[in-house]
């Protein structure tokens, strides 16, 4: 059974940093486009960042310059480094693995930015 397991969420003050991790049991992990989405109360799901198998990255305008997505294919893991966090970044963050018509999702990890 394919699994994506996120970790690294928590409570942080505005201006702080967190690094999310997502470890997957997908094979071959390197072929998948990996992404991070988030869902905040009362809002639609938002695509935060993606990184393709060839290393091309994309970011939502709301996080550009503050968040960085990276991956380590030897560890089947994708990361989201989040700097200069703002209260509006508060959400549940989900890891996604995409390959053609196939999508896998993690269970989500809560990120709360509050003083």
Protein backbone atom coordinates (compact mmCIF):
# COMPACT_ATOMS: atom_id res chain seq x y z
CA UNK A 1 0.00 0.00 0.00
CA UNK A 2 1.34 3.37 -1.01
CA UNK A 3 1.90 5.77 1.84
CA UNK A 4 2.94 9.37 2.15
CA UNK A 5 3.72 10.43 5.70
CA UNK A 6 4.18 14.09 6.57
CA UNK A 7 5.97 15.41 9.62
CA UNK A 8 7.39 18.66 10.93
CA UNK A 9 4.29 20.70 11.55
CA UNK A 10 3.65 22.61 14.73
CA UNK A 11 3.15 25.97 16.36
CA UNK A 12 5.52 28.78 15.44
CA UNK A 13 5.57 32.52 15.99
CA UNK A 14 5.26 34.94 13.08
CA UNK A 15 8.61 35.34 11.38
CA UNK A 16 9.68 31.87 12.40
CA UNK A 17 10.59 28.85 10.33
CA UNK A 18 9.51 25.24 9.96
CA UNK A 19 10.59 22.40 7.72
CA UNK A 20 8.02 19.86 6.64
CA UNK A 21 9.01 16.41 5.45
CA UNK A 22 7.09 13.84 3.47
CA UNK A 23 8.39 10.31 3.20
CA UNK A 24 6.84 8.09 0.55
CA UNK A 25 6.69 4.39 -0.16
CA UNK A 26 6.15 5.07 -3.85
CA UNK A 27 8.36 3.30 -6.36
CA UNK A 28 9.98 4.74 -8.33
CA UNK A 29 9.74 7.90 -6.25
CA UNK A 30 11.99 9.85 -8.61
CA UNK A 31 9.43 9.79 -11.45
CA UNK A 32 6.71 11.55 -9.49
CA UNK A 33 6.06 15.26 -9.36
CA UNK A 34 5.94 16.03 -5.66
CA UNK A 35 3.91 18.84 -4.25
CA UNK A 36 2.64 20.51 -1.13
CA UNK A 37 -0.91 21.76 -0.76
CA UNK A 38 -2.60 23.45 2.15
CA UNK A 39 -6.12 23.79 3.44
CA UNK A 40 -7.07 26.59 5.77
CA UNK A 41 -10.44 26.88 7.55
CA UNK A 42 -13.02 28.48 5.29
CA UNK A 43 -10.73 28.47 2.27
CA UNK A 44 -10.20 26.31 -0.77
CA UNK A 45 -7.26 23.98 -1.06
CA UNK A 46 -4.24 25.84 -2.33
CA UNK A 47 -1.28 24.51 -4.26
CA UNK A 48 1.76 25.76 -2.39
CA UNK A 49 4.73 24.31 -4.27
CA UNK A 50 5.70 21.54 -6.67
CA UNK A 51 8.93 19.98 -7.82
CA UNK A 52 9.03 17.76 -10.89
CA UNK A 53 11.19 14.72 -11.45
CA UNK A 54 13.56 16.91 -13.48
CA UNK A 55 13.83 19.51 -10.74
CA UNK A 56 11.53 22.20 -12.05
CA UNK A 57 9.87 24.06 -9.19
CA UNK A 58 6.83 26.28 -8.97
CA UNK A 59 5.34 28.25 -6.10
CA UNK A 60 2.15 30.07 -5.34
CA UNK A 61 2.56 33.82 -5.28
CA UNK A 62 1.67 33.87 -1.59
CA UNK A 63 4.78 31.88 -0.61
CA UNK A 64 7.25 32.78 -3.33
CA UNK A 65 10.53 33.92 -1.82
CA UNK A 66 9.70 32.44 1.59
CA UNK A 67 9.17 28.72 0.96
CA UNK A 68 11.50 26.26 -0.75
CA UNK A 69 10.59 22.78 -1.95
CA UNK A 70 13.31 20.18 -2.30
CA UNK A 71 13.54 16.44 -2.60
CA UNK A 72 15.96 13.65 -1.85
CA UNK A 73 15.17 10.74 -4.12
CA UNK A 74 17.62 8.50 -2.28
CA UNK A 75 15.42 8.88 0.79
CA UNK A 76 12.08 9.01 -1.04
CA UNK A 77 11.44 12.29 0.74
CA UNK A 78 10.26 15.74 -0.22
CA UNK A 79 10.73 18.78 1.99
CA UNK A 80 9.15 22.18 2.36
CA UNK A 81 11.32 24.77 4.07
CA UNK A 82 9.10 27.58 5.29
CA UNK A 83 10.71 30.85 6.39
CA UNK A 84 9.28 34.15 7.54
CA UNK A 85 6.01 32.47 8.39
CA UNK A 86 2.87 34.57 8.62
CA UNK A 87 -0.44 33.96 10.41
CA UNK A 88 -2.08 33.46 7.01
CA UNK A 89 0.16 30.43 6.47
CA UNK A 90 -1.81 28.62 9.15
CA UNK A 91 -3.31 25.52 7.56
CA UNK A 92 -3.10 21.77 7.27
CA UNK A 93 -0.32 20.96 4.82
CA UNK A 94 -0.66 17.92 2.58
CA UNK A 95 1.95 16.13 0.56
CA UNK A 96 1.02 14.99 -2.95
CA UNK A 97 2.67 12.65 -5.42
CA UNK A 98 1.53 12.94 -9.01
CA UNK A 99 2.35 10.85 -12.08
CA UNK A 100 0.07 11.02 -15.13
CA UNK A 101 -3.42 10.12 -13.87
CA UNK A 102 -2.24 8.88 -10.47
CA UNK A 103 -2.28 10.94 -7.30
CA UNK A 104 -1.34 9.96 -3.77
CA UNK A 105 -1.94 12.05 -0.68
CA UNK A 106 -0.57 12.17 2.81
CA UNK A 107 -2.69 12.54 5.91
CA UNK A 108 -1.66 16.16 6.49
CA UNK A 109 0.27 18.03 9.14
CA UNK A 110 -0.97 21.11 10.98
CA UNK A 111 0.99 24.33 10.82
CA UNK A 112 -0.11 27.13 13.12
CA UNK A 113 1.52 30.55 13.01
CA UNK A 114 0.55 32.59 16.03
CA UNK A 115 2.05 34.75 18.72
